[in-house]
Amino acid sequence: MKNNETEITREDLVSKLTELRESMPYLGDENSPVSESSMKVAAAAIGLAAVYFFGWRRGRRNKTVVEVRRI
């Protein structure tokens, strides 16, 4: 049984992959200032949420309960 198709060479693969890469839309540079600043804002928001959560939890645990009774 013989195939009538030609063999795929390394150059064929490289040229097709290069063509596909060039046709992909530009997604932006990884080190762009926009992505860096958005990561800083996200980290600050997560940090503030953690501080709020742990402070709220500590406040509930150490809350002083005062009971006033009338005689």
PDB file of N, CA and C in Angstrom:
ATOM      1  N   MET A   1       0.826  -1.169   0.000  1.00  0.00           N
ATOM      2  CA  MET A   1       0.000   0.000   0.000  1.00  0.00           C
ATOM      3  C   MET A   1       0.879   1.244   0.000  1.00  0.00           C
ATOM      4  N   LYS A   2       0.744   2.058  -0.989  1.00  0.00           N
ATOM      5  CA  LYS A   2       1.586   3.239  -1.112  1.00  0.00           C
ATOM      6  C   LYS A   2       0.762   4.491  -0.936  1.00  0.00           C
ATOM      7  N   ASN A   3       1.391   5.453  -0.265  1.00  0.00           N
ATOM      8  CA  ASN A   3       0.760   6.767  -0.133  1.00  0.00           C
ATOM      9  C   ASN A   3       1.200   7.645  -1.291  1.00  0.00           C
ATOM     10  N   ASN A   4       0.290   8.357  -1.851  1.00  0.00           N
ATOM     11  CA  ASN A   4       0.627   9.285  -2.928  1.00  0.00           C
ATOM     12  C   ASN A   4       0.965  10.670  -2.376  1.00  0.00           C
ATOM     13  N   GLU A   5       0.871  10.829  -1.076  1.00  0.00           N
ATOM     14  CA  GLU A   5       1.173  12.111  -0.454  1.00  0.00           C
ATOM     15  C   GLU A   5       2.681  12.277  -0.304  1.00  0.00           C
ATOM     16  N   THR A   6       3.109  13.521  -0.308  1.00  0.00           N
ATOM     17  CA  THR A   6       4.532  13.790  -0.110  1.00  0.00           C
ATOM     18  C   THR A   6       4.846  13.804   1.377  1.00  0.00           C
ATOM     19  N   GLU A   7       6.090  13.633   1.695  1.00  0.00           N
ATOM     20  CA  GLU A   7       6.503  13.657   3.100  1.00  0.00           C
ATOM     21  C   GLU A   7       6.493  15.091   3.617  1.00  0.00           C
ATOM     22  N   ILE A   8       6.212  15.226   4.898  1.00  0.00           N
ATOM     23  CA  ILE A   8       6.226  16.532   5.532  1.00  0.00           C
ATOM     24  C   ILE A   8       7.618  16.759   6.088  1.00  0.00           C
ATOM     25  N   THR A   9       8.246  17.821   5.656  1.00  0.00           N
ATOM     26  CA  THR A   9       9.609  18.104   6.106  1.00  0.00           C
ATOM     27  C   THR A   9       9.585  19.102   7.261  1.00  0.00           C
ATOM     28  N   ARG A  10      10.738  19.259   7.847  1.00  0.00           N
ATOM     29  CA  ARG A  10      10.875  20.202   8.954  1.00  0.00           C
ATOM     30  C   ARG A  10      10.583  21.623   8.482  1.00  0.00           C
ATOM     31  N   GLU A  11      11.032  21.967   7.292  1.00  0.00           N
ATOM     32  CA  GLU A  11      10.806  23.300   6.752  1.00  0.00           C
ATOM     33  C   GLU A  11       9.318  23.573   6.550  1.00  0.00           C
ATOM     34  N   ASP A  12       8.560  22.554   6.148  1.00  0.00           N
ATOM     35  CA  ASP A  12       7.111  22.706   6.002  1.00  0.00           C
ATOM     36  C   ASP A  12       6.465  23.042   7.345  1.00  0.00           C
ATOM     37  N   LEU A  13       6.870  22.331   8.381  1.00  0.00           N
ATOM     38  CA  LEU A  13       6.315  22.578   9.713  1.00  0.00           C
ATOM     39  C   LEU A  13       6.671  23.973  10.214  1.00  0.00           C
ATOM     40  N   VAL A  14       7.935  24.361  10.041  1.00  0.00           N
ATOM     41  CA  VAL A  14       8.381  25.675  10.508  1.00  0.00           C
ATOM     42  C   VAL A  14       7.634  26.778   9.772  1.00  0.00           C
ATOM     43  N   SER A  15       7.487  26.652   8.486  1.00  0.00           N
ATOM     44  CA  SER A  15       6.800  27.692   7.721  1.00  0.00           C
ATOM     45  C   SER A  15       5.325  27.786   8.114  1.00  0.00           C
ATOM     46  N   LYS A  16       4.666  26.657   8.338  1.00  0.00           N
ATOM     47  CA  LYS A  16       3.253  26.674   8.724  1.00  0.00           C
ATOM     48  C   LYS A  16       3.076  27.262  10.125  1.00  0.00           C
ATOM     49  N   LEU A  17       3.957  26.896  11.060  1.00  0.00           N
ATOM     50  CA  LEU A  17       3.867  27.443  12.409  1.00  0.00           C
ATOM     51  C   LEU A  17       4.153  28.942  12.427  1.00  0.00           C
ATOM     52  N   THR A  18       5.088  29.393  11.618  1.00  0.00           N
ATOM     53  CA  THR A  18       5.382  30.820  11.514  1.00  0.00           C
ATOM     54  C   THR A  18       4.172  31.557  10.946  1.00  0.00           C
ATOM     55  N   GLU A  19       3.540  30.977   9.945  1.00  0.00           N
ATOM     56  CA  GLU A  19       2.339  31.583   9.357  1.00  0.00           C
ATOM     57  C   GLU A  19       1.210  31.672  10.384  1.00  0.00           C
ATOM     58  N   LEU A  20       1.047  30.621  11.181  1.00  0.00           N
ATOM     59  CA  LEU A  20       0.003  30.634  12.209  1.00  0.00           C
ATOM     60  C   LEU A  20       0.300  31.662  13.286  1.00  0.00           C
ATOM     61  N   ARG A  21       1.550  31.759  13.689  1.00  0.00           N
ATOM     62  CA  ARG A  21       1.932  32.723  14.727  1.00  0.00           C
ATOM     63  C   ARG A  21       1.689  34.152  14.252  1.00  0.00           C
ATOM     64  N   GLU A  22       1.975  34.429  13.007  1.00  0.00           N
ATOM     65  CA  GLU A  22       1.772  35.778  12.476  1.00  0.00           C
ATOM     66  C   GLU A  22       0.299  36.113  12.326  1.00  0.00           C
ATOM     67  N   SER A  23      -0.531  35.110  12.143  1.00  0.00           N
ATOM     68  CA  SER A  23      -1.960  35.374  11.967  1.00  0.00           C
ATOM     69  C   SER A  23      -2.692  35.531  13.305  1.00  0.00           C
ATOM     70  N   MET A  24      -2.029  35.201  14.403  1.00  0.00           N
ATOM     71  CA  MET A  24      -2.654  35.339  15.724  1.00  0.00           C
ATOM     72  C   MET A  24      -2.775  36.813  16.084  1.00  0.00           C
ATOM     73  N   PRO A  25      -3.846  37.199  16.767  1.00  0.00           N
ATOM     74  CA  PRO A  25      -3.982  38.610  17.167  1.00  0.00           C
ATOM     75  C   PRO A  25      -2.947  38.960  18.237  1.00  0.00           C
ATOM     76  N   TYR A  26      -2.554  40.216  18.247  1.00  0.00           N
ATOM     77  CA  TYR A  26      -1.572  40.699  19.217  1.00  0.00           C
ATOM     78  C   TYR A  26      -2.248  40.826  20.571  1.00  0.00           C
ATOM     79  N   LEU A  27      -1.718  40.154  21.575  1.00  0.00           N
ATOM     80  CA  LEU A  27      -2.315  40.169  22.902  1.00  0.00           C
ATOM     81  C   LEU A  27      -1.622  41.123  23.854  1.00  0.00           C
ATOM     82  N   GLY A  28      -0.566  41.747  23.445  1.00  0.00           N
ATOM     83  CA  GLY A  28       0.120  42.703  24.305  1.00  0.00           C
ATOM     84  C   GLY A  28       1.402  42.108  24.870  1.00  0.00           C
ATOM     85  N   ASP A  29       2.250  42.991  25.302  1.00  0.00           N
ATOM     86  CA  ASP A  29       3.524  42.592  25.882  1.00  0.00           C
ATOM     87  C   ASP A  29       3.303  42.174  27.331  1.00  0.00           C
ATOM     88  N   GLU A  30       3.981  41.140  27.758  1.00  0.00           N
ATOM     89  CA  GLU A  30       3.826  40.656  29.129  1.00  0.00           C
ATOM     90  C   GLU A  30       4.296  41.681  30.155  1.00  0.00           C
ATOM     91  N   ASN A  31       5.283  42.459  29.806  1.00  0.00           N
ATOM     92  CA  ASN A  31       5.856  43.420  30.750  1.00  0.00           C
ATOM     93  C   ASN A  31       5.363  44.840  30.498  1.00  0.00           C
ATOM     94  N   SER A  32       4.198  44.970  29.918  1.00  0.00           N
ATOM     95  CA  SER A  32       3.687  46.308  29.645  1.00  0.00           C
ATOM     96  C   SER A  32       3.288  46.995  30.952  1.00  0.00           C
ATOM     97  N   PRO A  33       3.322  48.313  30.992  1.00  0.00           N
ATOM     98  CA  PRO A  33       2.972  49.036  32.217  1.00  0.00           C
ATOM     99  C   PRO A  33       1.535  48.792  32.656  1.00  0.00           C
ATOM    100  N   VAL A  34       0.650  48.527  31.725  1.00  0.00           N
ATOM    101  CA  VAL A  34      -0.749  48.301  32.085  1.00  0.00           C
ATOM    102  C   VAL A  34      -0.886  47.014  32.892  1.00  0.00           C
ATOM    103  N   SER A  35      -0.263  45.962  32.441  1.00  0.00           N
ATOM    104  CA  SER A  35      -0.378  44.705  33.162  1.00  0.00           C
ATOM    105  C   SER A  35       0.345  44.778  34.511  1.00  0.00           C
ATOM    106  N   GLU A  36       1.447  45.500  34.557  1.00  0.00           N
ATOM    107  CA  GLU A  36       2.188  45.633  35.811  1.00  0.00           C
ATOM    108  C   GLU A  36       1.379  46.414  36.835  1.00  0.00           C
ATOM    109  N   SER A  37       0.769  47.498  36.404  1.00  0.00           N
ATOM    110  CA  SER A  37      -0.017  48.300  37.334  1.00  0.00           C
ATOM    111  C   SER A  37      -1.287  47.570  37.753  1.00  0.00           C
ATOM    112  N   SER A  38      -1.887  46.827  36.851  1.00  0.00           N
ATOM    113  CA  SER A  38      -3.091  46.079  37.226  1.00  0.00           C
ATOM    114  C   SER A  38      -2.753  44.972  38.222  1.00  0.00           C
ATOM    115  N   MET A  39      -1.583  44.398  38.106  1.00  0.00           N
ATOM    116  CA  MET A  39      -1.159  43.381  39.078  1.00  0.00           C
ATOM    117  C   MET A  39      -0.925  44.018  40.443  1.00  0.00           C
ATOM    118  N   LYS A  40      -0.386  45.226  40.474  1.00  0.00           N
ATOM    119  CA  LYS A  40      -0.170  45.924  41.748  1.00  0.00           C
ATOM    120  C   LYS A  40      -1.504  46.250  42.412  1.00  0.00           C
ATOM    121  N   VAL A  41      -2.467  46.694  41.623  1.00  0.00           N
ATOM    122  CA  VAL A  41      -3.787  47.023  42.169  1.00  0.00           C
ATOM    123  C   VAL A  41      -4.463  45.767  42.700  1.00  0.00           C
ATOM    124  N   ALA A  42      -4.361  44.676  41.961  1.00  0.00           N
ATOM    125  CA  ALA A  42      -4.963  43.417  42.408  1.00  0.00           C
ATOM    126  C   ALA A  42      -4.303  42.921  43.695  1.00  0.00           C
ATOM    127  N   ALA A  43      -2.987  43.022  43.787  1.00  0.00           N
ATOM    128  CA  ALA A  43      -2.284  42.592  44.996  1.00  0.00           C
ATOM    129  C   ALA A  43      -2.675  43.451  46.192  1.00  0.00           C
ATOM    130  N   ALA A  44      -2.828  44.750  45.974  1.00  0.00           N
ATOM    131  CA  ALA A  44      -3.242  45.640  47.066  1.00  0.00           C
ATOM    132  C   ALA A  44      -4.658  45.309  47.530  1.00  0.00           C
ATOM    133  N   ALA A  45      -5.543  45.022  46.587  1.00  0.00           N
ATOM    134  CA  ALA A  45      -6.919  44.685  46.950  1.00  0.00           C
ATOM    135  C   ALA A  45      -6.982  43.383  47.732  1.00  0.00           C
ATOM    136  N   ILE A  46      -6.213  42.408  47.329  1.00  0.00           N
ATOM    137  CA  ILE A  46      -6.175  41.133  48.049  1.00  0.00           C
ATOM    138  C   ILE A  46      -5.584  41.335  49.440  1.00  0.00           C
ATOM    139  N   GLY A  47      -4.541  42.155  49.536  1.00  0.00           N
ATOM    140  CA  GLY A  47      -3.932  42.441  50.839  1.00  0.00           C
ATOM    141  C   GLY A  47      -4.902  43.138  51.778  1.00  0.00           C
ATOM    142  N   LEU A  48      -5.630  44.135  51.271  1.00  0.00           N
ATOM    143  CA  LEU A  48      -6.603  44.831  52.103  1.00  0.00           C
ATOM    144  C   LEU A  48      -7.735  43.905  52.538  1.00  0.00           C
ATOM    145  N   ALA A  49      -8.167  43.030  51.645  1.00  0.00           N
ATOM    146  CA  ALA A  49      -9.224  42.076  51.999  1.00  0.00           C
ATOM    147  C   ALA A  49      -8.747  41.124  53.091  1.00  0.00           C
ATOM    148  N   ALA A  50      -7.490  40.687  53.013  1.00  0.00           N
ATOM    149  CA  ALA A  50      -6.945  39.785  54.033  1.00  0.00           C
ATOM    150  C   ALA A  50      -6.842  40.492  55.380  1.00  0.00           C
ATOM    151  N   VAL A  51      -6.364  41.737  55.385  1.00  0.00           N
ATOM    152  CA  VAL A  51      -6.252  42.497  56.635  1.00  0.00           C
ATOM    153  C   VAL A  51      -7.627  42.706  57.248  1.00  0.00           C
ATOM    154  N   TYR A  52      -8.609  43.051  56.433  1.00  0.00           N
ATOM    155  CA  TYR A  52      -9.966  43.250  56.930  1.00  0.00           C
ATOM    156  C   TYR A  52     -10.522  41.965  57.528  1.00  0.00           C
ATOM    157  N   PHE A  53     -10.343  40.851  56.817  1.00  0.00           N
ATOM    158  CA  PHE A  53     -10.888  39.582  57.284  1.00  0.00           C
ATOM    159  C   PHE A  53     -10.260  39.158  58.606  1.00  0.00           C
ATOM    160  N   PHE A  54      -8.924  39.217  58.690  1.00  0.00           N
ATOM    161  CA  PHE A  54      -8.275  38.780  59.927  1.00  0.00           C
ATOM    162  C   PHE A  54      -8.559  39.733  61.085  1.00  0.00           C
ATOM    163  N   GLY A  55      -8.686  41.023  60.816  1.00  0.00           N
ATOM    164  CA  GLY A  55      -9.045  41.971  61.863  1.00  0.00           C
ATOM    165  C   GLY A  55     -10.461  41.756  62.352  1.00  0.00           C
ATOM    166  N   TRP A  56     -11.371  41.489  61.441  1.00  0.00           N
ATOM    167  CA  TRP A  56     -12.769  41.217  61.798  1.00  0.00           C
ATOM    168  C   TRP A  56     -12.867  39.958  62.642  1.00  0.00           C
ATOM    169  N   ARG A  57     -12.113  38.956  62.259  1.00  0.00           N
ATOM    170  CA  ARG A  57     -12.131  37.697  62.998  1.00  0.00           C
ATOM    171  C   ARG A  57     -11.564  37.878  64.402  1.00  0.00           C
ATOM    172  N   ARG A  58     -10.473  38.620  64.509  1.00  0.00           N
ATOM    173  CA  ARG A  58      -9.854  38.849  65.812  1.00  0.00           C
ATOM    174  C   ARG A  58     -10.774  39.674  66.702  1.00  0.00           C
ATOM    175  N   GLY A  59     -11.436  40.656  66.111  1.00  0.00           N
ATOM    176  CA  GLY A  59     -12.367  41.484  66.872  1.00  0.00           C
ATOM    177  C   GLY A  59     -13.534  40.686  67.413  1.00  0.00           C
ATOM    178  N   ARG A  60     -14.014  39.745  66.649  1.00  0.00           N
ATOM    179  CA  ARG A  60     -15.125  38.910  67.116  1.00  0.00           C
ATOM    180  C   ARG A  60     -14.667  37.969  68.223  1.00  0.00           C
ATOM    181  N   ARG A  61     -13.442  37.491  68.133  1.00  0.00           N
ATOM    182  CA  ARG A  61     -12.925  36.550  69.120  1.00  0.00           C
ATOM    183  C   ARG A  61     -12.616  37.245  70.442  1.00  0.00           C
ATOM    184  N   ASN A  62     -12.097  38.469  70.398  1.00  0.00           N
ATOM    185  CA  ASN A  62     -11.678  39.179  71.603  1.00  0.00           C
ATOM    186  C   ASN A  62     -12.706  40.195  72.081  1.00  0.00           C
ATOM    187  N   LYS A  63     -13.895  40.115  71.597  1.00  0.00           N
ATOM    188  CA  LYS A  63     -14.917  41.084  71.962  1.00  0.00           C
ATOM    189  C   LYS A  63     -15.300  40.910  73.435  1.00  0.00           C
ATOM    190  N   THR A  64     -15.363  42.013  74.147  1.00  0.00           N
ATOM    191  CA  THR A  64     -15.755  41.986  75.549  1.00  0.00           C
ATOM    192  C   THR A  64     -17.277  42.010  75.635  1.00  0.00           C
ATOM    193  N   VAL A  65     -17.811  41.101  76.411  1.00  0.00           N
ATOM    194  CA  VAL A  65     -19.253  41.038  76.594  1.00  0.00           C
ATOM    195  C   VAL A  65     -19.569  41.603  77.965  1.00  0.00           C
ATOM    196  N   VAL A  66     -20.380  42.644  77.997  1.00  0.00           N
ATOM    197  CA  VAL A  66     -20.782  43.266  79.253  1.00  0.00           C
ATOM    198  C   VAL A  66     -22.259  42.969  79.435  1.00  0.00           C
ATOM    199  N   GLU A  67     -22.580  42.396  80.575  1.00  0.00           N
ATOM    200  CA  GLU A  67     -23.966  42.060  80.868  1.00  0.00           C
ATOM    201  C   GLU A  67     -24.433  42.938  82.021  1.00  0.00           C
ATOM    202  N   VAL A  68     -25.504  43.647  81.818  1.00  0.00           N
ATOM    203  CA  VAL A  68     -26.050  44.526  82.839  1.00  0.00           C
ATOM    204  C   VAL A  68     -27.364  43.926  83.310  1.00  0.00           C
ATOM    205  N   ARG A  69     -27.463  43.729  84.631  1.00  0.00           N
ATOM    206  CA  ARG A  69     -28.711  43.181  85.206  1.00  0.00           C
ATOM    207  C   ARG A  69     -29.315  44.200  86.146  1.00  0.00           C
ATOM    208  N   ARG A  70     -30.604  44.326  86.075  1.00  0.00           N
ATOM    209  CA  ARG A  70     -31.317  45.198  87.021  1.00  0.00           C
ATOM    210  C   ARG A  70     -31.809  44.369  88.171  1.00  0.00           C
ATOM    211  N   ILE A  71     -31.708  44.928  89.313  1.00  0.00           N
ATOM    212  CA  ILE A  71     -32.192  44.212  90.502  1.00  0.00           C
ATOM    213  C   ILE A  71     -33.552  44.697  90.880  1.00  0.00           C
TER     214      ILE A  71
END
